[in-house]
Amino acid sequence: MRRVIVSEFVTLDGVVEDPSWTFQFSSEQREKFKFDELSASDALVLGRVTYEVFAASWPRMTEQAGEAGEYADMMNGYPKHVVSTTLEEPLEWNNSTLIKGDVAEEVLKLKQQPGKDKDILIFGSGDLVNTLMQHDLIDEYRLMVFPVVVGSGKRLFGEGIEKMVLNLVDTKTLGSGVVVLSYQRAQS
């Protein structure tokens, strides 16, 4: 069965919203990590807001040189499954389809696709992540923690989430003080 990986940019105070605060912490290590992460996957699941931001920017980035261009090609070429109750098909971004029904059921179907062995990535999309958490459909949480406190904004783990114990399975320290913490759900 394929794995669903949540990959989030997070501040020290837990904010995931509007990650413009990440730009001051760029590093080659961070770029390589994100490139390797995307290379290990072959599909994206996105919430509406993240989809709209990505759809407005990634199609224009294919002309970049080197790994940046390869990354853009992967982002643009991969199937994108978009969870929304307001968007209508056809979606504008290449290879994008709409999930309007039972999100948990549709993501489970994606995990069970025969002949697929690469990861399914979720970037951003906090509400979607919270929904999938409630259905135990997330296999790994990769939190790229930035050394900044922004004071307010949407947090990854919203109100109403039941207690969940996670095991730390990997840590990576990247340039500029950024740390990647990878967690999986603890087995009961």
C-alpha atoms as a PDB file:
ATOM      1  CA  MET A   1       0.000   0.000   0.000  1.00  0.00           C
ATOM      2  CA  ARG A   2       1.233   3.483  -0.832  1.00  0.00           C
ATOM      3  CA  ARG A   3       2.107   5.908   1.936  1.00  0.00           C
ATOM      4  CA  VAL A   4       0.575   9.337   2.473  1.00  0.00           C
ATOM      5  CA  ILE A   5       3.244  11.793   3.576  1.00  0.00           C
ATOM      6  CA  VAL A   6       2.373  15.189   5.033  1.00  0.00           C
ATOM      7  CA  SER A   7       5.145  17.706   4.388  1.00  0.00           C
ATOM      8  CA  GLU A   8       4.725  20.995   6.221  1.00  0.00           C
ATOM      9  CA  PHE A   9       6.634  24.220   6.793  1.00  0.00           C
ATOM     10  CA  VAL A  10       6.064  25.083  10.477  1.00  0.00           C
ATOM     11  CA  THR A  11       7.196  27.934  12.720  1.00  0.00           C
ATOM     12  CA  LEU A  12       8.441  27.309  16.255  1.00  0.00           C
ATOM     13  CA  ASP A  13       5.020  28.394  17.504  1.00  0.00           C
ATOM     14  CA  GLY A  14       3.254  25.888  15.243  1.00  0.00           C
ATOM     15  CA  VAL A  15       1.988  28.186  12.465  1.00  0.00           C
ATOM     16  CA  VAL A  16       1.691  26.775   8.928  1.00  0.00           C
ATOM     17  CA  GLU A  17      -0.297  29.564   7.301  1.00  0.00           C
ATOM     18  CA  ASP A  18       1.241  31.869   4.671  1.00  0.00           C
ATOM     19  CA  PRO A  19       4.792  30.470   4.795  1.00  0.00           C
ATOM     20  CA  SER A  20       6.410  33.611   3.378  1.00  0.00           C
ATOM     21  CA  TRP A  21       8.570  33.466   6.521  1.00  0.00           C
ATOM     22  CA  THR A  22      10.503  30.538   4.948  1.00  0.00           C
ATOM     23  CA  PHE A  23      12.312  32.602   2.307  1.00  0.00           C
ATOM     24  CA  GLN A  24      14.930  34.005   4.674  1.00  0.00           C
ATOM     25  CA  PHE A  25      16.008  30.443   5.542  1.00  0.00           C
ATOM     26  CA  SER A  26      16.919  29.162   2.066  1.00  0.00           C
ATOM     27  CA  SER A  27      19.754  26.684   1.742  1.00  0.00           C
ATOM     28  CA  GLU A  28      21.036  24.116  -0.727  1.00  0.00           C
ATOM     29  CA  GLN A  29      20.315  21.400   1.850  1.00  0.00           C
ATOM     30  CA  ARG A  30      16.674  22.452   2.053  1.00  0.00           C
ATOM     31  CA  GLU A  31      16.321  22.467  -1.726  1.00  0.00           C
ATOM     32  CA  LYS A  32      17.923  19.021  -1.997  1.00  0.00           C
ATOM     33  CA  PHE A  33      15.674  17.643   0.757  1.00  0.00           C
ATOM     34  CA  LYS A  34      12.535  18.923  -0.995  1.00  0.00           C
ATOM     35  CA  PHE A  35      13.775  17.616  -4.361  1.00  0.00           C
ATOM     36  CA  ASP A  36      14.460  14.141  -2.940  1.00  0.00           C
ATOM     37  CA  GLU A  37      11.105  14.136  -1.157  1.00  0.00           C
ATOM     38  CA  LEU A  38       9.215  14.974  -4.336  1.00  0.00           C
ATOM     39  CA  SER A  39      11.255  12.450  -6.357  1.00  0.00           C
ATOM     40  CA  ALA A  40      10.155   9.685  -3.956  1.00  0.00           C
ATOM     41  CA  SER A  41       6.504  10.448  -4.717  1.00  0.00           C
ATOM     42  CA  ASP A  42       4.351  10.366  -7.820  1.00  0.00           C
ATOM     43  CA  ALA A  43       1.131  12.126  -6.777  1.00  0.00           C
ATOM     44  CA  LEU A  44      -0.074  15.100  -4.749  1.00  0.00           C
ATOM     45  CA  VAL A  45      -3.202  15.592  -2.668  1.00  0.00           C
ATOM     46  CA  LEU A  46      -3.946  19.251  -2.062  1.00  0.00           C
ATOM     47  CA  GLY A  47      -6.575  21.358  -0.396  1.00  0.00           C
ATOM     48  CA  ARG A  48      -8.186  24.156  -2.387  1.00  0.00           C
ATOM     49  CA  VAL A  49      -6.112  27.062  -1.029  1.00  0.00           C
ATOM     50  CA  THR A  50      -2.774  25.282  -1.540  1.00  0.00           C
ATOM     51  CA  TYR A  51      -3.900  24.138  -4.981  1.00  0.00           C
ATOM     52  CA  GLU A  52      -4.809  27.675  -6.040  1.00  0.00           C
ATOM     53  CA  VAL A  53      -1.452  29.081  -4.862  1.00  0.00           C
ATOM     54  CA  PHE A  54       0.492  26.288  -6.584  1.00  0.00           C
ATOM     55  CA  ALA A  55      -1.578  26.438  -9.785  1.00  0.00           C
ATOM     56  CA  ALA A  56      -0.848  30.152 -10.061  1.00  0.00           C
ATOM     57  CA  SER A  57       2.925  29.691  -9.772  1.00  0.00           C
ATOM     58  CA  TRP A  58       4.279  26.243 -10.732  1.00  0.00           C
ATOM     59  CA  PRO A  59       3.288  26.226 -14.422  1.00  0.00           C
ATOM     60  CA  ARG A  60       5.466  29.324 -14.950  1.00  0.00           C
ATOM     61  CA  MET A  61       8.534  27.751 -13.310  1.00  0.00           C
ATOM     62  CA  THR A  62       9.375  25.107 -15.917  1.00  0.00           C
ATOM     63  CA  GLU A  63      11.959  27.330 -17.605  1.00  0.00           C
ATOM     64  CA  GLN A  64      14.299  27.299 -14.598  1.00  0.00           C
ATOM     65  CA  ALA A  65      17.676  25.626 -14.969  1.00  0.00           C
ATOM     66  CA  GLY A  66      18.896  22.471 -13.251  1.00  0.00           C
ATOM     67  CA  GLU A  67      17.121  20.860 -10.316  1.00  0.00           C
ATOM     68  CA  ALA A  68      14.721  23.804  -9.968  1.00  0.00           C
ATOM     69  CA  GLY A  69      13.403  23.100 -13.473  1.00  0.00           C
ATOM     70  CA  GLU A  70      13.241  19.350 -12.782  1.00  0.00           C
ATOM     71  CA  TYR A  71      11.301  20.034  -9.587  1.00  0.00           C
ATOM     72  CA  ALA A  72       8.851  22.235 -11.506  1.00  0.00           C
ATOM     73  CA  ASP A  73       8.474  19.531 -14.157  1.00  0.00           C
ATOM     74  CA  MET A  74       7.604  16.966 -11.462  1.00  0.00           C
ATOM     75  CA  MET A  75       5.134  19.348  -9.778  1.00  0.00           C
ATOM     76  CA  ASN A  76       3.462  20.085 -13.105  1.00  0.00           C
ATOM     77  CA  GLY A  77       3.506  16.498 -14.373  1.00  0.00           C
ATOM     78  CA  TYR A  78       2.360  14.577 -11.312  1.00  0.00           C
ATOM     79  CA  PRO A  79      -1.318  13.783 -10.830  1.00  0.00           C
ATOM     80  CA  LYS A  80      -2.834  16.300  -8.430  1.00  0.00           C
ATOM     81  CA  HIS A  81      -5.936  15.310  -6.453  1.00  0.00           C
ATOM     82  CA  VAL A  82      -7.636  18.446  -5.195  1.00  0.00           C
ATOM     83  CA  VAL A  83     -10.083  18.442  -2.290  1.00  0.00           C
ATOM     84  CA  SER A  84     -12.655  21.197  -2.652  1.00  0.00           C
ATOM     85  CA  THR A  85     -16.359  21.808  -2.327  1.00  0.00           C
ATOM     86  CA  THR A  86     -16.204  25.053  -4.315  1.00  0.00           C
ATOM     87  CA  LEU A  87     -13.956  24.400  -7.324  1.00  0.00           C
ATOM     88  CA  GLU A  88     -15.405  22.978 -10.528  1.00  0.00           C
ATOM     89  CA  GLU A  89     -13.829  20.791 -13.181  1.00  0.00           C
ATOM     90  CA  PRO A  90     -12.030  21.142 -15.416  1.00  0.00           C
ATOM     91  CA  LEU A  91      -9.269  22.383 -13.139  1.00  0.00           C
ATOM     92  CA  GLU A  92      -6.769  24.685 -14.793  1.00  0.00           C
ATOM     93  CA  TRP A  93      -3.505  23.089 -13.641  1.00  0.00           C
ATOM     94  CA  ASN A  94      -2.205  20.185 -15.690  1.00  0.00           C
ATOM     95  CA  ASN A  95      -3.140  16.676 -14.425  1.00  0.00           C
ATOM     96  CA  SER A  96      -5.469  17.960 -11.700  1.00  0.00           C
ATOM     97  CA  THR A  97      -8.671  16.194 -10.707  1.00  0.00           C
ATOM     98  CA  LEU A  98     -11.259  17.118  -8.144  1.00  0.00           C
ATOM     99  CA  ILE A  99     -12.175  15.124  -5.037  1.00  0.00           C
ATOM    100  CA  LYS A 100     -15.638  16.296  -3.978  1.00  0.00           C
ATOM    101  CA  GLY A 101     -17.111  13.259  -2.266  1.00  0.00           C
ATOM    102  CA  ASP A 102     -15.879  11.303   0.731  1.00  0.00           C
ATOM    103  CA  VAL A 103     -12.290  12.525   1.081  1.00  0.00           C
ATOM    104  CA  ALA A 104     -11.177   9.658   3.329  1.00  0.00           C
ATOM    105  CA  GLU A 105     -12.593   7.052   0.954  1.00  0.00           C
ATOM    106  CA  GLU A 106     -10.951   8.683  -2.089  1.00  0.00           C
ATOM    107  CA  VAL A 107      -7.543   8.958  -0.389  1.00  0.00           C
ATOM    108  CA  LEU A 108      -7.794   5.320   0.718  1.00  0.00           C
ATOM    109  CA  LYS A 109      -8.419   4.369  -2.932  1.00  0.00           C
ATOM    110  CA  LEU A 110      -5.293   6.308  -3.941  1.00  0.00           C
ATOM    111  CA  LYS A 111      -3.266   4.457  -1.294  1.00  0.00           C
ATOM    112  CA  GLN A 112      -4.536   1.129  -2.622  1.00  0.00           C
ATOM    113  CA  GLN A 113      -3.826   1.757  -6.323  1.00  0.00           C
ATOM    114  CA  PRO A 114      -2.261  -1.385  -7.790  1.00  0.00           C
ATOM    115  CA  GLY A 115       1.195  -1.129  -9.319  1.00  0.00           C
ATOM    116  CA  LYS A 116       2.043   2.073  -7.500  1.00  0.00           C
ATOM    117  CA  ASP A 117       4.800   2.120  -4.909  1.00  0.00           C
ATOM    118  CA  LYS A 118       5.789   5.771  -4.598  1.00  0.00           C
ATOM    119  CA  ASP A 119       4.538   8.123  -1.901  1.00  0.00           C
ATOM    120  CA  ILE A 120       1.559  10.455  -2.097  1.00  0.00           C
ATOM    121  CA  LEU A 121       2.526  13.914  -0.821  1.00  0.00           C
ATOM    122  CA  ILE A 122       0.406  16.532   0.877  1.00  0.00           C
ATOM    123  CA  PHE A 123       1.868  20.029   1.046  1.00  0.00           C
ATOM    124  CA  GLY A 124       0.198  22.655   3.239  1.00  0.00           C
ATOM    125  CA  SER A 125      -3.546  21.975   3.265  1.00  0.00           C
ATOM    126  CA  GLY A 126      -4.019  22.059   7.043  1.00  0.00           C
ATOM    127  CA  ASP A 127      -7.764  21.357   7.020  1.00  0.00           C
ATOM    128  CA  LEU A 128      -7.237  18.373   4.718  1.00  0.00           C
ATOM    129  CA  VAL A 129      -4.463  17.047   6.978  1.00  0.00           C
ATOM    130  CA  ASN A 130      -6.747  17.307  10.016  1.00  0.00           C
ATOM    131  CA  THR A 131      -9.501  15.408   8.178  1.00  0.00           C
ATOM    132  CA  LEU A 132      -7.154  12.615   7.109  1.00  0.00           C
ATOM    133  CA  MET A 133      -5.683  12.399  10.634  1.00  0.00           C
ATOM    134  CA  GLN A 134      -9.144  11.636  11.991  1.00  0.00           C
ATOM    135  CA  HIS A 135      -9.360   8.678   9.582  1.00  0.00           C
ATOM    136  CA  ASP A 136      -5.815   7.429  10.318  1.00  0.00           C
ATOM    137  CA  LEU A 137      -4.779   7.828   6.662  1.00  0.00           C
ATOM    138  CA  ILE A 138      -1.474   9.630   7.212  1.00  0.00           C
ATOM    139  CA  ASP A 139       1.604   7.447   7.340  1.00  0.00           C
ATOM    140  CA  GLU A 140       4.218  10.100   8.080  1.00  0.00           C
ATOM    141  CA  TYR A 141       4.363  13.716   9.189  1.00  0.00           C
ATOM    142  CA  ARG A 142       7.452  15.626   7.981  1.00  0.00           C
ATOM    143  CA  LEU A 143       7.607  18.905   9.794  1.00  0.00           C
ATOM    144  CA  MET A 144      10.210  21.334   8.494  1.00  0.00           C
ATOM    145  CA  VAL A 145      10.535  23.562  11.558  1.00  0.00           C
ATOM    146  CA  PHE A 146      11.859  27.080  10.952  1.00  0.00           C
ATOM    147  CA  PRO A 147      13.549  29.108  13.710  1.00  0.00           C
ATOM    148  CA  VAL A 148      10.957  31.856  13.701  1.00  0.00           C
ATOM    149  CA  VAL A 149       7.982  32.795  15.864  1.00  0.00           C
ATOM    150  CA  VAL A 150       5.214  34.660  14.019  1.00  0.00           C
ATOM    151  CA  GLY A 151       2.741  35.006  16.892  1.00  0.00           C
ATOM    152  CA  SER A 152      -0.481  34.188  15.104  1.00  0.00           C
ATOM    153  CA  GLY A 153      -1.889  32.198  12.235  1.00  0.00           C
ATOM    154  CA  LYS A 154      -3.381  28.835  11.421  1.00  0.00           C
ATOM    155  CA  ARG A 155      -1.749  25.916  13.174  1.00  0.00           C
ATOM    156  CA  LEU A 156      -1.324  22.470  11.666  1.00  0.00           C
ATOM    157  CA  PHE A 157      -3.114  20.525  14.354  1.00  0.00           C
ATOM    158  CA  GLY A 158      -6.476  22.197  14.827  1.00  0.00           C
ATOM    159  CA  GLU A 159      -8.964  22.169  17.634  1.00  0.00           C
ATOM    160  CA  GLY A 160     -10.916  18.976  18.127  1.00  0.00           C
ATOM    161  CA  ILE A 161      -8.144  16.564  17.181  1.00  0.00           C
ATOM    162  CA  GLU A 162      -8.066  13.603  19.531  1.00  0.00           C
ATOM    163  CA  LYS A 163      -4.862  12.761  21.345  1.00  0.00           C
ATOM    164  CA  MET A 164      -2.442  10.907  19.106  1.00  0.00           C
ATOM    165  CA  VAL A 165       0.971   9.574  20.092  1.00  0.00           C
ATOM    166  CA  LEU A 166       3.641   9.828  17.415  1.00  0.00           C
ATOM    167  CA  ASN A 167       7.094   8.270  17.198  1.00  0.00           C
ATOM    168  CA  LEU A 168      10.027  10.339  15.995  1.00  0.00           C
ATOM    169  CA  VAL A 169      11.529   8.294  13.121  1.00  0.00           C
ATOM    170  CA  ASP A 170      14.059  10.728  11.667  1.00  0.00           C
ATOM    171  CA  THR A 171      15.645  14.122  12.190  1.00  0.00           C
ATOM    172  CA  LYS A 172      17.667  16.233   9.813  1.00  0.00           C
ATOM    173  CA  THR A 173      19.316  19.554  10.537  1.00  0.00           C
ATOM    174  CA  LEU A 174      19.472  21.757   7.472  1.00  0.00           C
ATOM    175  CA  GLY A 175      21.216  25.067   6.880  1.00  0.00           C
ATOM    176  CA  SER A 176      19.969  28.277   8.503  1.00  0.00           C
ATOM    177  CA  GLY A 177      18.745  26.474  11.642  1.00  0.00           C
ATOM    178  CA  VAL A 178      15.909  24.581   9.947  1.00  0.00           C
ATOM    179  CA  VAL A 179      15.178  21.123  11.360  1.00  0.00           C
ATOM    180  CA  VAL A 180      13.090  18.374   9.742  1.00  0.00           C
ATOM    181  CA  LEU A 181      11.284  16.154  12.225  1.00  0.00           C
ATOM    182  CA  SER A 182       9.656  13.039  10.794  1.00  0.00           C
ATOM    183  CA  TYR A 183       6.972  11.263  12.814  1.00  0.00           C
ATOM    184  CA  GLN A 184       4.834   8.184  12.375  1.00  0.00           C
ATOM    185  CA  ARG A 185       1.865   7.159  14.451  1.00  0.00           C
ATOM    186  CA  ALA A 186       2.826   5.005  17.426  1.00  0.00           C
ATOM    187  CA  GLN A 187       1.469   1.481  17.310  1.00  0.00           C
ATOM    188  CA  SER A 188      -0.952   0.760  20.130  1.00  0.00           C
END
